[in-house]
Amino acid sequence: MHSTLYLALFTCVILPHVRVFAGNVVICMTVCNDRGVEAIVSIKSALLVSKPYNQYFFHIFTDESEGVRQSLAPLRTLSKETGETKLNNIFFYFHTLQQHSNLTYVRNFVETLRYEVPRLSVGRRYRCAMDKVVIPALFQKLIVVDTDTLWLEDPYNLMKQIDDFNSENTLGLAREVEGKIRAGWYHKRDQRGRPFYGLNGLNSGVVIYRIDKPDSYLEHMKDLLVRYKDNMPTVDQDLINAYAEKFPKQLHLLSCQWNRRHYSGCYSKQVAGIVHGTGRLFFKVSTNPTRKKQSRRNMEWPPRIRQSWVTRLPYLRAYQIVEAIPFHGL
């Protein structure tokens, strides 16, 4: 009789207040220079497709510049010092790489970067890109995305792709260009001996990681950094390609739906996933006045983008819609 009473008490009184989450999603991004607005839109798109039964941990690495602080103010307002928000399953954490210099392998990598390749440790653009190389060493399982990404599917579905890793896999990326024809960035110019993976290389706009030996991972990255320090125009992407080319068994190829770009040749029937506005594609349709002004100054849409991207897919309009949604409306 007592057991029945306790069971009823637990079911009716205690259980409704207990939250059981199905899975954890760790999303990291680096935000520097004028990328704060893009980062906000990317995060909002992730929240719009998130599920209440999963937990989402956003780790944002910044250069602490005034512009970035202002653009990320809505996130800081939304989150408490503990990272918690008004939503029980959403957390925001803000970092600088210096905060993690107590880790020996992180400190060694940063020092090598400072002395061997000073231009990559001084310029904000380069420093932010190099942060993307170090971040995987701070978490065991994670997703690293560029700020110009638009989530069309629950991030948990991408996080689950790590479960498909074999015992040797440590990172997962999509190809730079799909298909069996040489195309894309790595065939536009002479690579001057810099290696890239496969026929057309890999794109580092979306990467999933499972790093079991962070010190070993960063040591290999440090060696590649020193070797190709004078030949890394895309910085983190070049390093990751060199890493995958040297350790191909550690690579898990992602479906192109998780990094769909206007030139990637992705004809997957899966429309959902992630749209990557590389080449500042989203930047050009931003409703933010400052970014519109800069957009006019930068470049017009090439005809190929206008035809193959804008006319076929409504993603650019989706970006504008997400950008216009205030955080308190989520």
C-alpha atoms as a PDB file:
ATOM      1  CA  MET A   1       0.000   0.000   0.000  1.00  0.00           C
ATOM      2  CA  HIS A   2       2.808   2.380   0.923  1.00  0.00           C
ATOM      3  CA  SER A   3       4.677   1.596  -2.273  1.00  0.00           C
ATOM      4  CA  THR A   4       1.575   2.418  -4.328  1.00  0.00           C
ATOM      5  CA  LEU A   5       1.192   5.724  -2.468  1.00  0.00           C
ATOM      6  CA  TYR A   6       4.856   6.632  -3.037  1.00  0.00           C
ATOM      7  CA  LEU A   7       4.576   5.759  -6.725  1.00  0.00           C
ATOM      8  CA  ALA A   8       1.491   7.969  -7.122  1.00  0.00           C
ATOM      9  CA  LEU A   9       3.240  10.807  -5.259  1.00  0.00           C
ATOM     10  CA  PHE A  10       6.303  10.529  -7.485  1.00  0.00           C
ATOM     11  CA  THR A  11       4.241  10.368 -10.692  1.00  0.00           C
ATOM     12  CA  CYS A  12       1.890  13.248  -9.914  1.00  0.00           C
ATOM     13  CA  VAL A  13       4.060  15.632  -7.888  1.00  0.00           C
ATOM     14  CA  ILE A  14       7.757  15.058  -8.530  1.00  0.00           C
ATOM     15  CA  LEU A  15       7.982  13.697 -12.087  1.00  0.00           C
ATOM     16  CA  PRO A  16       6.409  16.745 -13.821  1.00  0.00           C
ATOM     17  CA  HIS A  17       9.265  18.892 -12.465  1.00  0.00           C
ATOM     18  CA  VAL A  18      12.041  16.529 -13.535  1.00  0.00           C
ATOM     19  CA  ARG A  19      13.611  17.236 -16.945  1.00  0.00           C
ATOM     20  CA  VAL A  20      15.199  14.273 -18.698  1.00  0.00           C
ATOM     21  CA  PHE A  21      17.196  15.265 -21.783  1.00  0.00           C
ATOM     22  CA  ALA A  22      17.808  12.895 -24.672  1.00  0.00           C
ATOM     23  CA  GLY A  23      21.184  14.258 -25.719  1.00  0.00           C
ATOM     24  CA  ASN A  24      23.759  17.012 -25.434  1.00  0.00           C
ATOM     25  CA  VAL A  25      24.825  19.195 -28.348  1.00  0.00           C
ATOM     26  CA  VAL A  26      28.053  21.224 -28.158  1.00  0.00           C
ATOM     27  CA  ILE A  27      28.341  23.963 -30.796  1.00  0.00           C
ATOM     28  CA  CYS A  28      31.449  26.157 -31.022  1.00  0.00           C
ATOM     29  CA  MET A  29      32.203  29.144 -33.209  1.00  0.00           C
ATOM     30  CA  THR A  30      34.744  31.936 -33.370  1.00  0.00           C
ATOM     31  CA  VAL A  31      33.525  35.515 -33.751  1.00  0.00           C
ATOM     32  CA  CYS A  32      35.876  38.306 -34.810  1.00  0.00           C
ATOM     33  CA  ASN A  33      35.758  41.628 -36.632  1.00  0.00           C
ATOM     34  CA  ASP A  34      32.324  42.243 -38.177  1.00  0.00           C
ATOM     35  CA  ARG A  35      31.058  38.673 -37.905  1.00  0.00           C
ATOM     36  CA  GLY A  36      28.921  39.233 -34.821  1.00  0.00           C
ATOM     37  CA  VAL A  37      25.674  39.817 -36.719  1.00  0.00           C
ATOM     38  CA  GLU A  38      26.172  36.654 -38.757  1.00  0.00           C
ATOM     39  CA  ALA A  39      26.890  34.695 -35.593  1.00  0.00           C
ATOM     40  CA  ILE A  40      23.665  35.909 -33.998  1.00  0.00           C
ATOM     41  CA  VAL A  41      21.633  34.801 -37.027  1.00  0.00           C
ATOM     42  CA  SER A  42      23.338  31.406 -37.103  1.00  0.00           C
ATOM     43  CA  ILE A  43      22.604  30.816 -33.419  1.00  0.00           C
ATOM     44  CA  LYS A  44      18.992  31.937 -33.796  1.00  0.00           C
ATOM     45  CA  SER A  45      18.506  29.528 -36.697  1.00  0.00           C
ATOM     46  CA  ALA A  46      19.845  26.703 -34.524  1.00  0.00           C
ATOM     47  CA  LEU A  47      17.449  27.612 -31.721  1.00  0.00           C
ATOM     48  CA  LEU A  48      14.492  27.736 -34.113  1.00  0.00           C
ATOM     49  CA  VAL A  49      15.011  24.090 -35.119  1.00  0.00           C
ATOM     50  CA  SER A  50      16.136  22.849 -31.687  1.00  0.00           C
ATOM     51  CA  LYS A  51      14.058  20.430 -29.621  1.00  0.00           C
ATOM     52  CA  PRO A  52      13.074  20.899 -25.957  1.00  0.00           C
ATOM     53  CA  TYR A  53      14.219  17.397 -25.032  1.00  0.00           C
ATOM     54  CA  ASN A  54      17.884  18.061 -25.991  1.00  0.00           C
ATOM     55  CA  GLN A  55      20.445  20.312 -24.310  1.00  0.00           C
ATOM     56  CA  TYR A  56      22.395  22.823 -26.408  1.00  0.00           C
ATOM     57  CA  PHE A  57      25.700  24.298 -25.244  1.00  0.00           C
ATOM     58  CA  PHE A  58      26.996  27.211 -27.333  1.00  0.00           C
ATOM     59  CA  HIS A  59      30.666  28.065 -26.777  1.00  0.00           C
ATOM     60  CA  ILE A  60      31.573  31.354 -28.428  1.00  0.00           C
ATOM     61  CA  PHE A  61      35.230  32.341 -28.778  1.00  0.00           C
ATOM     62  CA  THR A  62      35.715  36.064 -29.458  1.00  0.00           C
ATOM     63  CA  ASP A  63      38.482  38.590 -30.013  1.00  0.00           C
ATOM     64  CA  GLU A  64      36.879  40.830 -27.332  1.00  0.00           C
ATOM     65  CA  SER A  65      36.761  43.781 -29.721  1.00  0.00           C
ATOM     66  CA  GLU A  66      34.192  46.498 -29.102  1.00  0.00           C
ATOM     67  CA  GLY A  67      32.246  45.671 -32.250  1.00  0.00           C
ATOM     68  CA  VAL A  68      31.932  42.018 -31.311  1.00  0.00           C
ATOM     69  CA  ARG A  69      30.888  42.861 -27.737  1.00  0.00           C
ATOM     70  CA  GLN A  70      28.112  45.106 -29.029  1.00  0.00           C
ATOM     71  CA  SER A  71      26.813  42.645 -31.607  1.00  0.00           C
ATOM     72  CA  LEU A  72      26.802  39.767 -29.098  1.00  0.00           C
ATOM     73  CA  ALA A  73      25.117  41.846 -26.382  1.00  0.00           C
ATOM     74  CA  PRO A  74      21.723  40.107 -26.911  1.00  0.00           C
ATOM     75  CA  LEU A  75      23.325  36.761 -26.083  1.00  0.00           C
ATOM     76  CA  ARG A  76      25.062  38.091 -22.981  1.00  0.00           C
ATOM     77  CA  THR A  77      21.793  39.647 -21.822  1.00  0.00           C
ATOM     78  CA  LEU A  78      19.938  36.412 -22.407  1.00  0.00           C
ATOM     79  CA  SER A  79      22.399  34.273 -20.446  1.00  0.00           C
ATOM     80  CA  LYS A  80      23.395  34.328 -16.797  1.00  0.00           C
ATOM     81  CA  GLU A  81      26.947  34.103 -15.485  1.00  0.00           C
ATOM     82  CA  THR A  82      26.506  30.340 -15.252  1.00  0.00           C
ATOM     83  CA  GLY A  83      25.650  30.175 -18.943  1.00  0.00           C
ATOM     84  CA  GLU A  84      22.024  29.290 -18.248  1.00  0.00           C
ATOM     85  CA  THR A  85      19.172  31.035 -20.025  1.00  0.00           C
ATOM     86  CA  LYS A  86      15.451  31.313 -19.397  1.00  0.00           C
ATOM     87  CA  LEU A  87      15.181  28.112 -21.419  1.00  0.00           C
ATOM     88  CA  ASN A  88      16.224  25.119 -19.351  1.00  0.00           C
ATOM     89  CA  ASN A  89      18.009  23.428 -22.235  1.00  0.00           C
ATOM     90  CA  ILE A  90      19.991  26.336 -23.750  1.00  0.00           C
ATOM     91  CA  PHE A  91      23.398  27.514 -22.474  1.00  0.00           C
ATOM     92  CA  PHE A  92      25.799  30.200 -23.720  1.00  0.00           C
ATOM     93  CA  TYR A  93      29.457  30.461 -22.728  1.00  0.00           C
ATOM     94  CA  PHE A  94      31.925  33.122 -23.849  1.00  0.00           C
ATOM     95  CA  HIS A  95      35.645  32.439 -24.133  1.00  0.00           C
ATOM     96  CA  THR A  96      38.965  33.759 -25.284  1.00  0.00           C
ATOM     97  CA  LEU A  97      41.722  31.306 -26.114  1.00  0.00           C
ATOM     98  CA  GLN A  98      43.949  32.900 -23.472  1.00  0.00           C
ATOM     99  CA  GLN A  99      41.579  31.606 -20.789  1.00  0.00           C
ATOM    100  CA  HIS A 100      42.667  28.065 -21.682  1.00  0.00           C
ATOM    101  CA  SER A 101      46.417  28.678 -21.801  1.00  0.00           C
ATOM    102  CA  ASN A 102      46.804  26.756 -18.544  1.00  0.00           C
ATOM    103  CA  LEU A 103      46.617  23.595 -20.672  1.00  0.00           C
ATOM    104  CA  THR A 104      50.174  22.756 -21.722  1.00  0.00           C
ATOM    105  CA  TYR A 105      49.323  21.587 -25.240  1.00  0.00           C
ATOM    106  CA  VAL A 106      47.245  24.720 -25.868  1.00  0.00           C
ATOM    107  CA  ARG A 107      50.004  26.978 -24.549  1.00  0.00           C
ATOM    108  CA  ASN A 108      52.630  25.220 -26.704  1.00  0.00           C
ATOM    109  CA  PHE A 109      50.530  25.630 -29.832  1.00  0.00           C
ATOM    110  CA  VAL A 110      49.848  29.318 -29.160  1.00  0.00           C
ATOM    111  CA  GLU A 111      53.543  29.990 -28.482  1.00  0.00           C
ATOM    112  CA  THR A 112      54.537  28.215 -31.689  1.00  0.00           C
ATOM    113  CA  LEU A 113      51.975  30.307 -33.536  1.00  0.00           C
ATOM    114  CA  ARG A 114      53.313  33.520 -32.004  1.00  0.00           C
ATOM    115  CA  TYR A 115      56.972  32.866 -32.802  1.00  0.00           C
ATOM    116  CA  GLU A 116      56.799  30.862 -36.018  1.00  0.00           C
ATOM    117  CA  VAL A 117      53.913  32.635 -37.761  1.00  0.00           C
ATOM    118  CA  PRO A 118      53.490  36.065 -36.130  1.00  0.00           C
ATOM    119  CA  ARG A 119      51.105  37.310 -38.846  1.00  0.00           C
ATOM    120  CA  LEU A 120      48.626  34.568 -37.901  1.00  0.00           C
ATOM    121  CA  SER A 121      48.700  35.522 -34.221  1.00  0.00           C
ATOM    122  CA  VAL A 122      48.331  39.278 -34.751  1.00  0.00           C
ATOM    123  CA  GLY A 123      45.694  39.747 -37.442  1.00  0.00           C
ATOM    124  CA  ARG A 124      42.179  39.259 -36.063  1.00  0.00           C
ATOM    125  CA  ARG A 125      40.976  37.359 -39.110  1.00  0.00           C
ATOM    126  CA  TYR A 126      43.853  34.907 -38.903  1.00  0.00           C
ATOM    127  CA  ARG A 127      43.736  34.614 -35.123  1.00  0.00           C
ATOM    128  CA  CYS A 128      40.053  33.744 -35.210  1.00  0.00           C
ATOM    129  CA  ALA A 129      40.719  31.108 -37.869  1.00  0.00           C
ATOM    130  CA  MET A 130      43.535  29.606 -35.810  1.00  0.00           C
ATOM    131  CA  ASP A 131      41.253  29.477 -32.770  1.00  0.00           C
ATOM    132  CA  LYS A 132      39.102  27.047 -34.771  1.00  0.00           C
ATOM    133  CA  VAL A 133      42.091  24.695 -34.928  1.00  0.00           C
ATOM    134  CA  VAL A 134      42.641  24.776 -31.160  1.00  0.00           C
ATOM    135  CA  ILE A 135      39.006  24.596 -29.972  1.00  0.00           C
ATOM    136  CA  PRO A 136      38.585  20.837 -30.666  1.00  0.00           C
ATOM    137  CA  ALA A 137      41.304  20.137 -28.095  1.00  0.00           C
ATOM    138  CA  LEU A 138      39.117  21.681 -25.374  1.00  0.00           C
ATOM    139  CA  PHE A 139      36.095  19.395 -25.791  1.00  0.00           C
ATOM    140  CA  GLN A 140      35.814  15.698 -26.464  1.00  0.00           C
ATOM    141  CA  LYS A 141      32.819  15.796 -28.814  1.00  0.00           C
ATOM    142  CA  LEU A 142      31.707  18.964 -30.559  1.00  0.00           C
ATOM    143  CA  ILE A 143      30.535  20.766 -33.669  1.00  0.00           C
ATOM    144  CA  VAL A 144      32.539  23.725 -34.992  1.00  0.00           C
ATOM    145  CA  VAL A 145      30.741  25.971 -37.475  1.00  0.00           C
ATOM    146  CA  ASP A 146      31.495  29.205 -39.279  1.00  0.00           C
ATOM    147  CA  THR A 147      29.392  32.225 -38.421  1.00  0.00           C
ATOM    148  CA  ASP A 148      27.853  32.288 -41.927  1.00  0.00           C
ATOM    149  CA  THR A 149      25.867  29.087 -41.444  1.00  0.00           C
ATOM    150  CA  LEU A 150      22.105  28.702 -41.375  1.00  0.00           C
ATOM    151  CA  TRP A 151      20.659  25.679 -39.575  1.00  0.00           C
ATOM    152  CA  LEU A 152      17.683  24.043 -41.289  1.00  0.00           C
ATOM    153  CA  GLU A 153      17.703  20.963 -39.071  1.00  0.00           C
ATOM    154  CA  ASP A 154      18.067  20.170 -35.390  1.00  0.00           C
ATOM    155  CA  PRO A 155      21.821  20.359 -34.528  1.00  0.00           C
ATOM    156  CA  TYR A 156      21.377  17.154 -32.535  1.00  0.00           C
ATOM    157  CA  ASN A 157      21.040  15.271 -35.826  1.00  0.00           C
ATOM    158  CA  LEU A 158      24.517  16.420 -36.813  1.00  0.00           C
ATOM    159  CA  MET A 159      25.896  15.645 -33.364  1.00  0.00           C
ATOM    160  CA  LYS A 160      24.585  12.092 -33.776  1.00  0.00           C
ATOM    161  CA  GLN A 161      26.824  11.668 -36.824  1.00  0.00           C
ATOM    162  CA  ILE A 162      29.714  11.271 -34.377  1.00  0.00           C
ATOM    163  CA  ASP A 163      28.154   7.934 -33.414  1.00  0.00           C
ATOM    164  CA  ASP A 164      28.957   6.768 -36.964  1.00  0.00           C
ATOM    165  CA  PHE A 165      32.692   7.314 -36.415  1.00  0.00           C
ATOM    166  CA  ASN A 166      34.805   4.176 -36.404  1.00  0.00           C
ATOM    167  CA  SER A 167      37.521   3.637 -33.816  1.00  0.00           C
ATOM    168  CA  GLU A 168      40.058   5.682 -35.827  1.00  0.00           C
ATOM    169  CA  ASN A 169      37.909   8.644 -36.883  1.00  0.00           C
ATOM    170  CA  THR A 170      38.497  11.967 -35.127  1.00  0.00           C
ATOM    171  CA  LEU A 171      36.878  14.522 -37.437  1.00  0.00           C
ATOM    172  CA  GLY A 172      34.110  14.731 -40.007  1.00  0.00           C
ATOM    173  CA  LEU A 173      33.800  17.190 -42.909  1.00  0.00           C
ATOM    174  CA  ALA A 174      32.064  17.510 -46.266  1.00  0.00           C
ATOM    175  CA  ARG A 175      33.962  17.824 -49.531  1.00  0.00           C
ATOM    176  CA  GLU A 176      34.762  21.245 -50.941  1.00  0.00           C
ATOM    177  CA  VAL A 177      33.104  20.196 -54.209  1.00  0.00           C
ATOM    178  CA  GLU A 178      31.164  16.983 -54.821  1.00  0.00           C
ATOM    179  CA  GLY A 179      31.560  14.837 -57.919  1.00  0.00           C
ATOM    180  CA  LYS A 180      34.363  13.316 -59.970  1.00  0.00           C
ATOM    181  CA  ILE A 181      35.489  16.448 -61.811  1.00  0.00           C
ATOM    182  CA  ARG A 182      38.323  18.642 -60.597  1.00  0.00           C
ATOM    183  CA  ALA A 183      36.722  21.882 -59.450  1.00  0.00           C
ATOM    184  CA  GLY A 184      36.663  24.464 -56.691  1.00  0.00           C
ATOM    185  CA  TRP A 185      39.132  26.467 -54.657  1.00  0.00           C
ATOM    186  CA  TYR A 186      41.979  23.955 -54.740  1.00  0.00           C
ATOM    187  CA  HIS A 187      42.108  23.974 -58.540  1.00  0.00           C
ATOM    188  CA  LYS A 188      41.797  27.723 -59.058  1.00  0.00           C
ATOM    189  CA  ARG A 189      45.456  28.372 -58.343  1.00  0.00           C
ATOM    190  CA  ASP A 190      48.762  26.614 -57.881  1.00  0.00           C
ATOM    191  CA  GLN A 191      48.823  25.142 -54.368  1.00  0.00           C
ATOM    192  CA  ARG A 192      52.643  25.314 -54.304  1.00  0.00           C
ATOM    193  CA  GLY A 193      52.987  21.890 -52.756  1.00  0.00           C
ATOM    194  CA  ARG A 194      50.333  22.379 -50.094  1.00  0.00           C
ATOM    195  CA  PRO A 195      48.372  19.126 -49.734  1.00  0.00           C
ATOM    196  CA  PHE A 196      44.605  18.777 -49.696  1.00  0.00           C
ATOM    197  CA  TYR A 197      42.369  15.773 -49.223  1.00  0.00           C
ATOM    198  CA  GLY A 198      41.035  13.759 -52.142  1.00  0.00           C
ATOM    199  CA  LEU A 199      40.097  15.187 -55.517  1.00  0.00           C
ATOM    200  CA  ASN A 200      38.789  18.605 -54.485  1.00  0.00           C
ATOM    201  CA  GLY A 201      39.671  19.013 -50.820  1.00  0.00           C
ATOM    202  CA  LEU A 202      37.455  19.530 -47.773  1.00  0.00           C
ATOM    203  CA  ASN A 203      35.521  22.565 -46.548  1.00  0.00           C
ATOM    204  CA  SER A 204      36.010  23.515 -42.891  1.00  0.00           C
ATOM    205  CA  GLY A 205      32.840  25.593 -42.513  1.00  0.00           C
ATOM    206  CA  VAL A 206      31.209  22.711 -40.648  1.00  0.00           C
ATOM    207  CA  VAL A 207      33.301  20.152 -38.746  1.00  0.00           C
ATOM    208  CA  ILE A 208      32.399  17.541 -36.155  1.00  0.00           C
ATOM    209  CA  TYR A 209      35.063  16.203 -33.818  1.00  0.00           C
ATOM    210  CA  ARG A 210      35.721  13.401 -31.399  1.00  0.00           C
ATOM    211  CA  ILE A 211      39.117  14.144 -29.900  1.00  0.00           C
ATOM    212  CA  ASP A 212      40.293  11.467 -27.462  1.00  0.00           C
ATOM    213  CA  LYS A 213      43.937  12.616 -27.415  1.00  0.00           C
ATOM    214  CA  PRO A 214      43.953  16.428 -27.567  1.00  0.00           C
ATOM    215  CA  ASP A 215      47.680  16.746 -26.928  1.00  0.00           C
ATOM    216  CA  SER A 216      48.494  14.427 -29.854  1.00  0.00           C
ATOM    217  CA  TYR A 217      46.018  16.223 -32.120  1.00  0.00           C
ATOM    218  CA  LEU A 218      47.507  19.671 -31.415  1.00  0.00           C
ATOM    219  CA  GLU A 219      51.057  18.354 -31.734  1.00  0.00           C
ATOM    220  CA  HIS A 220      50.325  17.145 -35.262  1.00  0.00           C
ATOM    221  CA  MET A 221      48.613  20.446 -36.085  1.00  0.00           C
ATOM    222  CA  LYS A 222      51.614  22.338 -34.744  1.00  0.00           C
ATOM    223  CA  ASP A 223      53.986  20.365 -36.990  1.00  0.00           C
ATOM    224  CA  LEU A 224      51.813  21.060 -40.036  1.00  0.00           C
ATOM    225  CA  LEU A 225      51.572  24.737 -39.081  1.00  0.00           C
ATOM    226  CA  VAL A 226      55.357  25.097 -39.020  1.00  0.00           C
ATOM    227  CA  ARG A 227      55.738  23.177 -42.286  1.00  0.00           C
ATOM    228  CA  TYR A 228      53.162  25.150 -44.310  1.00  0.00           C
ATOM    229  CA  LYS A 229      53.265  28.467 -42.446  1.00  0.00           C
ATOM    230  CA  ASP A 230      54.014  30.490 -45.586  1.00  0.00           C
ATOM    231  CA  ASN A 231      51.352  28.839 -47.695  1.00  0.00           C
ATOM    232  CA  MET A 232      48.004  28.891 -45.867  1.00  0.00           C
ATOM    233  CA  PRO A 233      45.602  31.358 -47.528  1.00  0.00           C
ATOM    234  CA  THR A 234      42.518  29.773 -45.945  1.00  0.00           C
ATOM    235  CA  VAL A 235      44.352  29.104 -42.647  1.00  0.00           C
ATOM    236  CA  ASP A 236      42.268  26.568 -40.686  1.00  0.00           C
ATOM    237  CA  GLN A 237      40.883  24.880 -43.818  1.00  0.00           C
ATOM    238  CA  ASP A 238      44.384  24.423 -45.216  1.00  0.00           C
ATOM    239  CA  LEU A 239      45.622  22.939 -41.960  1.00  0.00           C
ATOM    240  CA  ILE A 240      42.670  20.558 -41.687  1.00  0.00           C
ATOM    241  CA  ASN A 241      43.133  19.453 -45.292  1.00  0.00           C
ATOM    242  CA  ALA A 242      46.811  18.790 -44.674  1.00  0.00           C
ATOM    243  CA  TYR A 243      45.886  16.847 -41.532  1.00  0.00           C
ATOM    244  CA  ALA A 244      43.274  14.733 -43.344  1.00  0.00           C
ATOM    245  CA  GLU A 245      45.656  14.074 -46.227  1.00  0.00           C
ATOM    246  CA  LYS A 246      48.323  12.889 -43.789  1.00  0.00           C
ATOM    247  CA  PHE A 247      45.905  10.864 -41.619  1.00  0.00           C
ATOM    248  CA  PRO A 248      43.097   9.804 -44.006  1.00  0.00           C
ATOM    249  CA  LYS A 249      41.858   7.081 -41.670  1.00  0.00           C
ATOM    250  CA  GLN A 250      40.948   9.730 -39.107  1.00  0.00           C
ATOM    251  CA  LEU A 251      38.500  11.381 -41.511  1.00  0.00           C
ATOM    252  CA  HIS A 252      34.771  10.679 -41.655  1.00  0.00           C
ATOM    253  CA  LEU A 253      33.161  12.187 -44.762  1.00  0.00           C
ATOM    254  CA  LEU A 254      29.925  14.036 -44.032  1.00  0.00           C
ATOM    255  CA  SER A 255      27.003  14.155 -46.411  1.00  0.00           C
ATOM    256  CA  CYS A 256      27.048  17.374 -48.411  1.00  0.00           C
ATOM    257  CA  GLN A 257      23.675  18.369 -46.901  1.00  0.00           C
ATOM    258  CA  TRP A 258      25.565  19.379 -43.739  1.00  0.00           C
ATOM    259  CA  ASN A 259      27.635  21.979 -45.609  1.00  0.00           C
ATOM    260  CA  ARG A 260      25.630  23.038 -48.637  1.00  0.00           C
ATOM    261  CA  ARG A 261      27.205  25.912 -50.585  1.00  0.00           C
ATOM    262  CA  HIS A 262      26.282  27.516 -53.901  1.00  0.00           C
ATOM    263  CA  TYR A 263      29.264  25.906 -55.643  1.00  0.00           C
ATOM    264  CA  SER A 264      29.528  22.604 -53.760  1.00  0.00           C
ATOM    265  CA  GLY A 265      27.603  20.546 -56.334  1.00  0.00           C
ATOM    266  CA  CYS A 266      25.386  19.091 -53.630  1.00  0.00           C
ATOM    267  CA  TYR A 267      22.337  17.474 -55.174  1.00  0.00           C
ATOM    268  CA  SER A 268      21.313  15.510 -52.104  1.00  0.00           C
ATOM    269  CA  LYS A 269      17.569  14.906 -51.872  1.00  0.00           C
ATOM    270  CA  GLN A 270      17.856  15.890 -48.201  1.00  0.00           C
ATOM    271  CA  VAL A 271      16.976  19.592 -48.272  1.00  0.00           C
ATOM    272  CA  ALA A 272      17.523  20.058 -44.546  1.00  0.00           C
ATOM    273  CA  GLY A 273      20.923  20.276 -42.918  1.00  0.00           C
ATOM    274  CA  ILE A 274      23.099  23.404 -42.970  1.00  0.00           C
ATOM    275  CA  VAL A 275      23.397  26.116 -45.586  1.00  0.00           C
ATOM    276  CA  HIS A 276      26.829  27.735 -45.635  1.00  0.00           C
ATOM    277  CA  GLY A 277      26.889  31.265 -47.062  1.00  0.00           C
ATOM    278  CA  THR A 278      30.583  31.200 -47.862  1.00  0.00           C
ATOM    279  CA  GLY A 279      31.971  34.118 -49.846  1.00  0.00           C
ATOM    280  CA  ARG A 280      29.780  36.449 -47.772  1.00  0.00           C
ATOM    281  CA  LEU A 281      26.682  35.326 -49.637  1.00  0.00           C
ATOM    282  CA  PHE A 282      24.423  36.040 -46.638  1.00  0.00           C
ATOM    283  CA  PHE A 283      26.343  39.232 -45.975  1.00  0.00           C
ATOM    284  CA  LYS A 284      24.948  40.621 -49.227  1.00  0.00           C
ATOM    285  CA  VAL A 285      21.301  40.199 -48.235  1.00  0.00           C
ATOM    286  CA  SER A 286      21.605  41.283 -44.611  1.00  0.00           C
ATOM    287  CA  THR A 287      18.961  43.751 -43.427  1.00  0.00           C
ATOM    288  CA  ASN A 288      21.508  45.365 -41.111  1.00  0.00           C
ATOM    289  CA  PRO A 289      22.199  48.924 -42.494  1.00  0.00           C
ATOM    290  CA  THR A 290      25.950  48.790 -41.795  1.00  0.00           C
ATOM    291  CA  ARG A 291      26.340  45.461 -43.546  1.00  0.00           C
ATOM    292  CA  LYS A 292      24.233  46.638 -46.494  1.00  0.00           C
ATOM    293  CA  LYS A 293      26.577  49.593 -46.963  1.00  0.00           C
ATOM    294  CA  GLN A 294      29.611  47.336 -46.827  1.00  0.00           C
ATOM    295  CA  SER A 295      27.894  44.904 -49.182  1.00  0.00           C
ATOM    296  CA  ARG A 296      27.503  47.543 -51.879  1.00  0.00           C
ATOM    297  CA  ARG A 297      31.158  48.439 -51.474  1.00  0.00           C
ATOM    298  CA  ASN A 298      32.388  44.867 -51.716  1.00  0.00           C
ATOM    299  CA  MET A 299      30.941  43.077 -54.740  1.00  0.00           C
ATOM    300  CA  GLU A 300      27.868  42.199 -56.733  1.00  0.00           C
ATOM    301  CA  TRP A 301      26.520  38.679 -57.004  1.00  0.00           C
ATOM    302  CA  PRO A 302      28.231  36.773 -59.800  1.00  0.00           C
ATOM    303  CA  PRO A 303      25.728  35.501 -62.421  1.00  0.00           C
ATOM    304  CA  ARG A 304      26.493  31.877 -61.498  1.00  0.00           C
ATOM    305  CA  ILE A 305      25.427  32.471 -57.883  1.00  0.00           C
ATOM    306  CA  ARG A 306      22.399  34.454 -58.966  1.00  0.00           C
ATOM    307  CA  GLN A 307      21.201  31.659 -61.237  1.00  0.00           C
ATOM    308  CA  SER A 308      22.128  28.491 -59.368  1.00  0.00           C
ATOM    309  CA  TRP A 309      21.452  29.696 -55.842  1.00  0.00           C
ATOM    310  CA  VAL A 310      19.033  32.590 -55.566  1.00  0.00           C
ATOM    311  CA  THR A 311      16.564  31.417 -58.195  1.00  0.00           C
ATOM    312  CA  ARG A 312      16.403  27.819 -56.995  1.00  0.00           C
ATOM    313  CA  LEU A 313      16.467  27.962 -53.226  1.00  0.00           C
ATOM    314  CA  PRO A 314      14.732  30.333 -50.771  1.00  0.00           C
ATOM    315  CA  TYR A 315      17.590  30.230 -48.261  1.00  0.00           C
ATOM    316  CA  LEU A 316      18.584  33.861 -48.693  1.00  0.00           C
ATOM    317  CA  ARG A 317      15.094  34.994 -47.796  1.00  0.00           C
ATOM    318  CA  ALA A 318      15.163  32.564 -44.871  1.00  0.00           C
ATOM    319  CA  TYR A 319      18.340  34.280 -43.636  1.00  0.00           C
ATOM    320  CA  GLN A 320      16.609  37.658 -43.698  1.00  0.00           C
ATOM    321  CA  ILE A 321      13.619  36.266 -41.811  1.00  0.00           C
ATOM    322  CA  VAL A 322      15.781  34.710 -39.096  1.00  0.00           C
ATOM    323  CA  GLU A 323      17.825  37.901 -38.784  1.00  0.00           C
ATOM    324  CA  ALA A 324      14.661  39.914 -38.174  1.00  0.00           C
ATOM    325  CA  ILE A 325      13.426  37.686 -35.309  1.00  0.00           C
ATOM    326  CA  PRO A 326      14.329  39.122 -31.868  1.00  0.00           C
ATOM    327  CA  PHE A 327      15.690  36.729 -29.273  1.00  0.00           C
ATOM    328  CA  HIS A 328      12.691  37.275 -27.007  1.00  0.00           C
ATOM    329  CA  GLY A 329      10.548  35.995 -29.864  1.00  0.00           C
ATOM    330  CA  LEU A 330      12.189  32.579 -29.892  1.00  0.00           C
END
